[in-house]
Structures are given as C-alpha cells and as structure tokens.
PDB file of N, CA and C in Angstrom:
ATOM      1  N   UNK A   1     112.882 112.399 304.032  1.00  0.00           N
ATOM      2  CA  UNK A   1     112.072 111.256 304.506  1.00  0.00           C
ATOM      3  C   UNK A   1     110.772 111.762 305.052  1.00  0.00           C
ATOM      4  N   UNK A   2     109.692 111.149 304.713  1.00  0.00           N
ATOM      5  CA  UNK A   2     108.371 111.506 305.157  1.00  0.00           C
ATOM      6  C   UNK A   2     108.345 111.426 306.715  1.00  0.00           C
ATOM      7  N   UNK A   3     107.405 112.076 307.308  1.00  0.00           N
ATOM      8  CA  UNK A   3     107.285 112.092 308.745  1.00  0.00           C
ATOM      9  C   UNK A   3     105.978 111.369 309.160  1.00  0.00           C
ATOM     10  N   UNK A   4     106.059 110.700 310.290  1.00  0.00           N
ATOM     11  CA  UNK A   4     104.896 110.007 310.788  1.00  0.00           C
ATOM     12  C   UNK A   4     104.878 110.171 312.259  1.00  0.00           C
ATOM     13  N   UNK A   5     103.709 110.650 312.793  1.00  0.00           N
ATOM     14  CA  UNK A   5     103.561 110.700 314.263  1.00  0.00           C
ATOM     15  C   UNK A   5     103.167 109.413 314.795  1.00  0.00           C
ATOM     16  N   UNK A   6     103.575 109.174 316.081  1.00  0.00           N
ATOM     17  CA  UNK A   6     103.181 107.964 316.791  1.00  0.00           C
ATOM     18  C   UNK A   6     101.728 107.942 317.072  1.00  0.00           C
ATOM     19  N   UNK A   7     101.194 106.809 317.413  1.00  0.00           N
ATOM     20  CA  UNK A   7      99.730 106.668 317.692  1.00  0.00           C
ATOM     21  C   UNK A   7      99.232 107.418 318.899  1.00  0.00           C
ATOM     22  N   UNK A   8     100.114 107.817 319.793  1.00  0.00           N
ATOM     23  CA  UNK A   8      99.755 108.549 320.975  1.00  0.00           C
ATOM     24  C   UNK A   8      99.907 110.094 320.813  1.00  0.00           C
ATOM     25  N   UNK A   9     100.070 110.523 319.575  1.00  0.00           N
ATOM     26  CA  UNK A   9     100.254 111.945 319.334  1.00  0.00           C
ATOM     27  C   UNK A   9      99.042 112.514 318.644  1.00  0.00           C
ATOM     28  N   UNK A  10      98.443 113.497 319.235  1.00  0.00           N
ATOM     29  CA  UNK A  10      97.273 114.161 318.686  1.00  0.00           C
ATOM     30  C   UNK A  10      97.674 115.557 318.175  1.00  0.00           C
ATOM     31  N   UNK A  11      97.078 115.976 317.028  1.00  0.00           N
ATOM     32  CA  UNK A  11      97.401 117.286 316.480  1.00  0.00           C
ATOM     33  C   UNK A  11      96.093 118.069 316.325  1.00  0.00           C
ATOM     34  N   UNK A  12      96.219 119.329 316.627  1.00  0.00           N
ATOM     35  CA  UNK A  12      95.089 120.278 316.441  1.00  0.00           C
ATOM     36  C   UNK A  12      95.636 121.511 315.889  1.00  0.00           C
ATOM     37  N   UNK A  13      94.976 121.962 314.750  1.00  0.00           N
ATOM     38  CA  UNK A  13      95.332 123.226 314.154  1.00  0.00           C
ATOM     39  C   UNK A  13      94.627 124.362 314.898  1.00  0.00           C
ATOM     40  N   UNK A  14      95.318 125.452 315.139  1.00  0.00           N
ATOM     41  CA  UNK A  14      94.759 126.648 315.734  1.00  0.00           C
ATOM     42  C   UNK A  14      94.969 127.867 314.829  1.00  0.00           C
ATOM     43  N   UNK A  15      94.504 129.017 315.217  1.00  0.00           N
ATOM     44  CA  UNK A  15      94.723 130.236 314.465  1.00  0.00           C
ATOM     45  C   UNK A  15      96.193 130.597 314.387  1.00  0.00           C
ATOM     46  N   UNK A  16      97.011 130.042 315.281  1.00  0.00           N
ATOM     47  CA  UNK A  16      98.373 130.457 315.385  1.00  0.00           C
ATOM     48  C   UNK A  16      99.368 129.392 314.993  1.00  0.00           C
ATOM     49  N   UNK A  17      98.904 128.235 314.521  1.00  0.00           N
ATOM     50  CA  UNK A  17      99.723 127.137 314.102  1.00  0.00           C
ATOM     51  C   UNK A  17      99.120 125.792 314.430  1.00  0.00           C
ATOM     52  N   UNK A  18      99.904 124.873 314.982  1.00  0.00           N
ATOM     53  CA  UNK A  18      99.444 123.534 315.249  1.00  0.00           C
ATOM     54  C   UNK A  18      99.966 123.166 316.684  1.00  0.00           C
ATOM     55  N   UNK A  19      99.087 122.491 317.451  1.00  0.00           N
ATOM     56  CA  UNK A  19      99.440 121.973 318.787  1.00  0.00           C
ATOM     57  C   UNK A  19      99.586 120.480 318.692  1.00  0.00           C
ATOM     58  N   UNK A  20     100.674 119.963 319.194  1.00  0.00           N
ATOM     59  CA  UNK A  20     100.954 118.533 319.261  1.00  0.00           C
ATOM     60  C   UNK A  20     100.799 118.086 320.639  1.00  0.00           C
ATOM     61  N   UNK A  21     100.060 117.068 321.019  1.00  0.00           N
ATOM     62  CA  UNK A  21      99.916 116.570 322.318  1.00  0.00           C
ATOM     63  C   UNK A  21     100.373 115.131 322.376  1.00  0.00           C
ATOM     64  N   UNK A  22     101.367 114.851 323.298  1.00  0.00           N
ATOM     65  CA  UNK A  22     101.815 113.506 323.540  1.00  0.00           C
ATOM     66  C   UNK A  22     100.939 112.934 324.674  1.00  0.00           C
ATOM     67  N   UNK A  23     100.019 112.136 324.324  1.00  0.00           N
ATOM     68  CA  UNK A  23      99.035 111.601 325.268  1.00  0.00           C
ATOM     69  C   UNK A  23      99.704 110.668 326.371  1.00  0.00           C
ATOM     70  N   UNK A  24     100.883 110.196 326.084  1.00  0.00           N
ATOM     71  CA  UNK A  24     101.565 109.328 327.052  1.00  0.00           C
ATOM     72  C   UNK A  24     102.095 110.192 328.225  1.00  0.00           C
ATOM     73  N   UNK A  25     102.656 111.291 327.881  1.00  0.00           N
ATOM     74  CA  UNK A  25     103.328 112.121 328.916  1.00  0.00           C
ATOM     75  C   UNK A  25     102.442 113.320 329.338  1.00  0.00           C
ATOM     76  N   UNK A  26     101.519 113.711 328.520  1.00  0.00           N
ATOM     77  CA  UNK A  26     100.751 114.918 328.783  1.00  0.00           C
ATOM     78  C   UNK A  26     101.463 116.177 328.260  1.00  0.00           C
ATOM     79  N   UNK A  27     102.654 115.982 327.698  1.00  0.00           N
ATOM     80  CA  UNK A  27     103.392 117.144 327.150  1.00  0.00           C
ATOM     81  C   UNK A  27     102.850 117.614 325.844  1.00  0.00           C
ATOM     82  N   UNK A  28     102.845 118.931 325.629  1.00  0.00           N
ATOM     83  CA  UNK A  28     102.441 119.400 324.310  1.00  0.00           C
ATOM     84  C   UNK A  28     103.441 120.406 323.741  1.00  0.00           C
ATOM     85  N   UNK A  29     103.390 120.556 322.453  1.00  0.00           N
ATOM     86  CA  UNK A  29     104.264 121.502 321.747  1.00  0.00           C
ATOM     87  C   UNK A  29     103.388 122.359 320.858  1.00  0.00           C
ATOM     88  N   UNK A  30     103.712 123.576 320.723  1.00  0.00           N
ATOM     89  CA  UNK A  30     102.985 124.469 319.826  1.00  0.00           C
ATOM     90  C   UNK A  30     103.933 124.876 318.626  1.00  0.00           C
ATOM     91  N   UNK A  31     103.463 124.520 317.449  1.00  0.00           N
ATOM     92  CA  UNK A  31     104.206 124.854 316.234  1.00  0.00           C
ATOM     93  C   UNK A  31     103.677 126.179 315.688  1.00  0.00           C
ATOM     94  N   UNK A  32     104.570 127.076 315.282  1.00  0.00           N
ATOM     95  CA  UNK A  32     104.158 128.322 314.608  1.00  0.00           C
ATOM     96  C   UNK A  32     103.780 127.986 313.210  1.00  0.00           C
ATOM     97  N   UNK A  33     103.358 128.968 312.392  1.00  0.00           N
ATOM     98  CA  UNK A  33     102.950 128.697 311.046  1.00  0.00           C
ATOM     99  C   UNK A  33     104.030 128.064 310.150  1.00  0.00           C
ATOM    100  N   UNK A  34     105.276 128.422 310.405  1.00  0.00           N
ATOM    101  CA  UNK A  34     106.335 127.797 309.576  1.00  0.00           C
ATOM    102  C   UNK A  34     106.506 126.307 309.907  1.00  0.00           C
ATOM    103  N   UNK A  35     106.457 126.011 311.250  1.00  0.00           N
ATOM    104  CA  UNK A  35     106.568 124.623 311.678  1.00  0.00           C
ATOM    105  C   UNK A  35     105.349 123.797 311.212  1.00  0.00           C
ATOM    106  N   UNK A  36     104.182 124.406 311.220  1.00  0.00           N
ATOM    107  CA  UNK A  36     102.997 123.794 310.728  1.00  0.00           C
ATOM    108  C   UNK A  36     103.126 123.377 309.216  1.00  0.00           C
ATOM    109  N   UNK A  37     103.622 124.350 308.415  1.00  0.00           N
ATOM    110  CA  UNK A  37     103.831 124.029 307.003  1.00  0.00           C
ATOM    111  C   UNK A  37     104.799 122.921 306.779  1.00  0.00           C
ATOM    112  N   UNK A  38     105.901 122.924 307.602  1.00  0.00           N
ATOM    113  CA  UNK A  38     106.855 121.791 307.419  1.00  0.00           C
ATOM    114  C   UNK A  38     106.234 120.465 307.803  1.00  0.00           C
ATOM    115  N   UNK A  39     105.550 120.414 308.899  1.00  0.00           N
ATOM    116  CA  UNK A  39     104.905 119.188 309.330  1.00  0.00           C
ATOM    117  C   UNK A  39     103.826 118.708 308.331  1.00  0.00           C
ATOM    118  N   UNK A  40     103.040 119.634 307.826  1.00  0.00           N
ATOM    119  CA  UNK A  40     102.055 119.230 306.840  1.00  0.00           C
ATOM    120  C   UNK A  40     102.652 118.657 305.627  1.00  0.00           C
ATOM    121  N   UNK A  41     103.683 119.263 305.138  1.00  0.00           N
ATOM    122  CA  UNK A  41     104.357 118.796 303.916  1.00  0.00           C
ATOM    123  C   UNK A  41     104.893 117.419 304.112  1.00  0.00           C
ATOM    124  N   UNK A  42     105.558 117.199 305.287  1.00  0.00           N
ATOM    125  CA  UNK A  42     106.131 115.904 305.512  1.00  0.00           C
ATOM    126  C   UNK A  42     105.121 114.789 305.823  1.00  0.00           C
ATOM    127  N   UNK A  43     104.049 115.177 306.541  1.00  0.00           N
ATOM    128  CA  UNK A  43     102.971 114.219 306.793  1.00  0.00           C
ATOM    129  C   UNK A  43     102.237 113.812 305.510  1.00  0.00           C
ATOM    130  N   UNK A  44     102.218 114.699 304.531  1.00  0.00           N
ATOM    131  CA  UNK A  44     101.635 114.397 303.234  1.00  0.00           C
ATOM    132  C   UNK A  44     102.533 113.620 302.333  1.00  0.00           C
ATOM    133  N   UNK A  45     103.637 113.170 302.895  1.00  0.00           N
ATOM    134  CA  UNK A  45     104.583 112.298 302.142  1.00  0.00           C
ATOM    135  C   UNK A  45     105.736 113.054 301.490  1.00  0.00           C
ATOM    136  N   UNK A  46     105.796 114.341 301.674  1.00  0.00           N
ATOM    137  CA  UNK A  46     106.841 115.050 301.109  1.00  0.00           C
ATOM    138  C   UNK A  46     108.172 114.834 301.764  1.00  0.00           C
ATOM    139  N   UNK A  47     109.232 115.036 301.062  1.00  0.00           N
ATOM    140  CA  UNK A  47     110.600 114.940 301.603  1.00  0.00           C
ATOM    141  C   UNK A  47     110.986 116.293 302.211  1.00  0.00           C
ATOM    142  N   UNK A  48     112.072 116.234 302.985  1.00  0.00           N
ATOM    143  CA  UNK A  48     112.553 117.478 303.626  1.00  0.00           C
ATOM    144  C   UNK A  48     112.823 118.622 302.591  1.00  0.00           C
ATOM    145  N   UNK A  49     113.353 118.202 301.428  1.00  0.00           N
ATOM    146  CA  UNK A  49     113.550 119.238 300.406  1.00  0.00           C
ATOM    147  C   UNK A  49     112.217 119.907 299.942  1.00  0.00           C
ATOM    148  N   UNK A  50     111.184 119.190 299.923  1.00  0.00           N
ATOM    149  CA  UNK A  50     109.883 119.827 299.587  1.00  0.00           C
ATOM    150  C   UNK A  50     109.410 120.797 300.656  1.00  0.00           C
ATOM    151  N   UNK A  51     109.712 120.443 301.945  1.00  0.00           N
ATOM    152  CA  UNK A  51     109.358 121.341 303.054  1.00  0.00           C
ATOM    153  C   UNK A  51     110.148 122.605 302.995  1.00  0.00           C
ATOM    154  N   UNK A  52     111.462 122.455 302.559  1.00  0.00           N
ATOM    155  CA  UNK A  52     112.308 123.654 302.391  1.00  0.00           C
ATOM    156  C   UNK A  52     111.773 124.505 301.327  1.00  0.00           C
ATOM    157  N   UNK A  53     111.421 123.917 300.179  1.00  0.00           N
ATOM    158  CA  UNK A  53     110.810 124.709 299.054  1.00  0.00           C
ATOM    159  C   UNK A  53     109.562 125.385 299.480  1.00  0.00           C
ATOM    160  N   UNK A  54     108.708 124.692 300.292  1.00  0.00           N
ATOM    161  CA  UNK A  54     107.463 125.342 300.704  1.00  0.00           C
ATOM    162  C   UNK A  54     107.740 126.539 301.591  1.00  0.00           C
ATOM    163  N   UNK A  55     108.732 126.456 302.487  1.00  0.00           N
ATOM    164  CA  UNK A  55     109.056 127.543 303.384  1.00  0.00           C
ATOM    165  C   UNK A  55     109.584 128.773 302.565  1.00  0.00           C
ATOM    166  N   UNK A  56     110.493 128.474 301.615  1.00  0.00           N
ATOM    167  CA  UNK A  56     111.044 129.501 300.836  1.00  0.00           C
ATOM    168  C   UNK A  56     109.974 130.252 300.038  1.00  0.00           C
ATOM    169  N   UNK A  57     109.037 129.501 299.506  1.00  0.00           N
ATOM    170  CA  UNK A  57     107.979 130.096 298.702  1.00  0.00           C
ATOM    171  C   UNK A  57     106.939 130.838 299.548  1.00  0.00           C
ATOM    172  N   UNK A  58     106.464 130.226 300.593  1.00  0.00           N
ATOM    173  CA  UNK A  58     105.404 130.788 301.412  1.00  0.00           C
ATOM    174  C   UNK A  58     105.826 131.931 302.291  1.00  0.00           C
ATOM    175  N   UNK A  59     107.039 131.840 302.851  1.00  0.00           N
ATOM    176  CA  UNK A  59     107.478 132.840 303.840  1.00  0.00           C
ATOM    177  C   UNK A  59     108.665 133.697 303.361  1.00  0.00           C
ATOM    178  N   UNK A  60     109.091 133.534 302.112  1.00  0.00           N
ATOM    179  CA  UNK A  60     110.107 134.373 301.569  1.00  0.00           C
ATOM    180  C   UNK A  60     111.379 134.476 302.436  1.00  0.00           C
ATOM    181  N   UNK A  61     111.832 133.252 302.861  1.00  0.00           N
ATOM    182  CA  UNK A  61     113.080 133.184 303.602  1.00  0.00           C
ATOM    183  C   UNK A  61     114.159 132.591 302.754  1.00  0.00           C
ATOM    184  N   UNK A  62     115.391 132.792 303.092  1.00  0.00           N
ATOM    185  CA  UNK A  62     116.455 132.255 302.224  1.00  0.00           C
ATOM    186  C   UNK A  62     116.579 130.735 302.466  1.00  0.00           C
ATOM    187  N   UNK A  63     117.061 130.088 301.427  1.00  0.00           N
ATOM    188  CA  UNK A  63     117.148 128.627 301.416  1.00  0.00           C
ATOM    189  C   UNK A  63     117.993 128.034 302.557  1.00  0.00           C
ATOM    190  N   UNK A  64     119.186 128.600 302.823  1.00  0.00           N
ATOM    191  CA  UNK A  64     119.998 128.032 303.941  1.00  0.00           C
ATOM    192  C   UNK A  64     119.227 128.087 305.264  1.00  0.00           C
ATOM    193  N   UNK A  65     118.563 129.188 305.578  1.00  0.00           N
ATOM    194  CA  UNK A  65     117.812 129.259 306.821  1.00  0.00           C
ATOM    195  C   UNK A  65     116.732 128.269 306.826  1.00  0.00           C
ATOM    196  N   UNK A  66     115.994 128.081 305.675  1.00  0.00           N
ATOM    197  CA  UNK A  66     114.880 127.124 305.624  1.00  0.00           C
ATOM    198  C   UNK A  66     115.401 125.713 305.865  1.00  0.00           C
ATOM    199  N   UNK A  67     116.568 125.413 305.219  1.00  0.00           N
ATOM    200  CA  UNK A  67     117.164 124.101 305.477  1.00  0.00           C
ATOM    201  C   UNK A  67     117.436 123.817 306.937  1.00  0.00           C
ATOM    202  N   UNK A  68     118.060 124.804 307.565  1.00  0.00           N
ATOM    203  CA  UNK A  68     118.377 124.670 309.017  1.00  0.00           C
ATOM    204  C   UNK A  68     117.109 124.505 309.818  1.00  0.00           C
ATOM    205  N   UNK A  69     116.069 125.248 309.552  1.00  0.00           N
ATOM    206  CA  UNK A  69     114.812 125.164 310.279  1.00  0.00           C
ATOM    207  C   UNK A  69     114.188 123.818 310.143  1.00  0.00           C
ATOM    208  N   UNK A  70     114.106 123.291 308.905  1.00  0.00           N
ATOM    209  CA  UNK A  70     113.469 122.006 308.656  1.00  0.00           C
ATOM    210  C   UNK A  70     114.252 120.905 309.357  1.00  0.00           C
ATOM    211  N   UNK A  71     115.587 120.926 309.195  1.00  0.00           N
ATOM    212  CA  UNK A  71     116.430 119.882 309.885  1.00  0.00           C
ATOM    213  C   UNK A  71     116.250 119.938 311.369  1.00  0.00           C
ATOM    214  N   UNK A  72     116.252 121.111 311.963  1.00  0.00           N
ATOM    215  CA  UNK A  72     116.150 121.218 313.423  1.00  0.00           C
ATOM    216  C   UNK A  72     114.804 120.742 313.943  1.00  0.00           C
ATOM    217  N   UNK A  73     113.730 121.104 313.225  1.00  0.00           N
ATOM    218  CA  UNK A  73     112.401 120.693 313.624  1.00  0.00           C
ATOM    219  C   UNK A  73     112.256 119.165 313.544  1.00  0.00           C
ATOM    220  N   UNK A  74     112.641 118.567 312.435  1.00  0.00           N
ATOM    221  CA  UNK A  74     112.520 117.144 312.279  1.00  0.00           C
ATOM    222  C   UNK A  74     113.354 116.412 313.304  1.00  0.00           C
ATOM    223  N   UNK A  75     114.537 116.880 313.516  1.00  0.00           N
ATOM    224  CA  UNK A  75     115.390 116.278 314.582  1.00  0.00           C
ATOM    225  C   UNK A  75     114.724 116.313 315.966  1.00  0.00           C
ATOM    226  N   UNK A  76     114.149 117.459 316.288  1.00  0.00           N
ATOM    227  CA  UNK A  76     113.563 117.655 317.642  1.00  0.00           C
ATOM    228  C   UNK A  76     112.276 116.750 317.742  1.00  0.00           C
ATOM    229  N   UNK A  77     111.498 116.675 316.703  1.00  0.00           N
ATOM    230  CA  UNK A  77     110.310 115.820 316.754  1.00  0.00           C
ATOM    231  C   UNK A  77     110.696 114.357 316.893  1.00  0.00           C
ATOM    232  N   UNK A  78     111.738 113.905 316.215  1.00  0.00           N
ATOM    233  CA  UNK A  78     112.105 112.519 316.336  1.00  0.00           C
ATOM    234  C   UNK A  78     112.854 112.257 317.692  1.00  0.00           C
ATOM    235  N   UNK A  79     113.658 113.094 318.153  1.00  0.00           N
ATOM    236  CA  UNK A  79     114.363 112.935 319.426  1.00  0.00           C
ATOM    237  C   UNK A  79     113.410 112.943 320.629  1.00  0.00           C
ATOM    238  N   UNK A  80     112.310 113.722 320.463  1.00  0.00           N
ATOM    239  CA  UNK A  80     111.240 113.760 321.508  1.00  0.00           C
ATOM    240  C   UNK A  80     110.390 112.536 321.565  1.00  0.00           C
ATOM    241  N   UNK A  81     110.498 111.698 320.515  1.00  0.00           N
ATOM    242  CA  UNK A  81     109.690 110.523 320.400  1.00  0.00           C
ATOM    243  C   UNK A  81     108.283 110.762 319.842  1.00  0.00           C
ATOM    244  N   UNK A  82     108.066 111.935 319.353  1.00  0.00           N
ATOM    245  CA  UNK A  82     106.765 112.247 318.779  1.00  0.00           C
ATOM    246  C   UNK A  82     106.604 111.664 317.369  1.00  0.00           C
ATOM    247  N   UNK A  83     107.708 111.604 316.665  1.00  0.00           N
ATOM    248  CA  UNK A  83     107.671 111.211 315.199  1.00  0.00           C
ATOM    249  C   UNK A  83     108.803 110.187 314.896  1.00  0.00           C
ATOM    250  N   UNK A  84     108.500 109.515 313.807  1.00  0.00           N
ATOM    251  CA  UNK A  84     109.524 108.601 313.235  1.00  0.00           C
ATOM    252  C   UNK A  84     109.708 108.868 311.811  1.00  0.00           C
TER     253      UNK A  84
END
C-alpha cells in the first residue's frame, strides 16, 4: 500500500537521510538512507514489495531482512500518526 504523510508532517532530505517533523507535537525522526529509499518508493505510489526490491538492489541486503525492515518502518510511521 502506498504511503501518505499527514498534512502536519514536513520532510527534509539531508546528507545522511531524511528528517521528518511532526509539526503538531514538535517531534522529529531521522531516517537513514535505507529508510529514505523506502519512504521515497512508497510516497511515489509504490507498494511495499517495490520498496523491498529497491532495498535489495541498492543496498545488497537479503530479501527477508529487507521485508522485515520495510514492514517495521511502515508500521512505526503509521502507529506514530505520521503516515496513513
């Protein structure tokens, strides 16, 4: 399922990944390059499987680990209220 951030969430890319700011609470999260790739893929309309494929290709990690990482990140973003 594609990912969508709420209207109160700002994103900024840095040299080290992406920073997410929840303007409602003032909390921020820093995504490393793998998290950034996952988020970009999903925000561009890709499914979680496409994000897994991107991680496997770009970072040369095994598929089961990539699947775990994508699932965990998406779950955390949704549970924190940053994304739907």
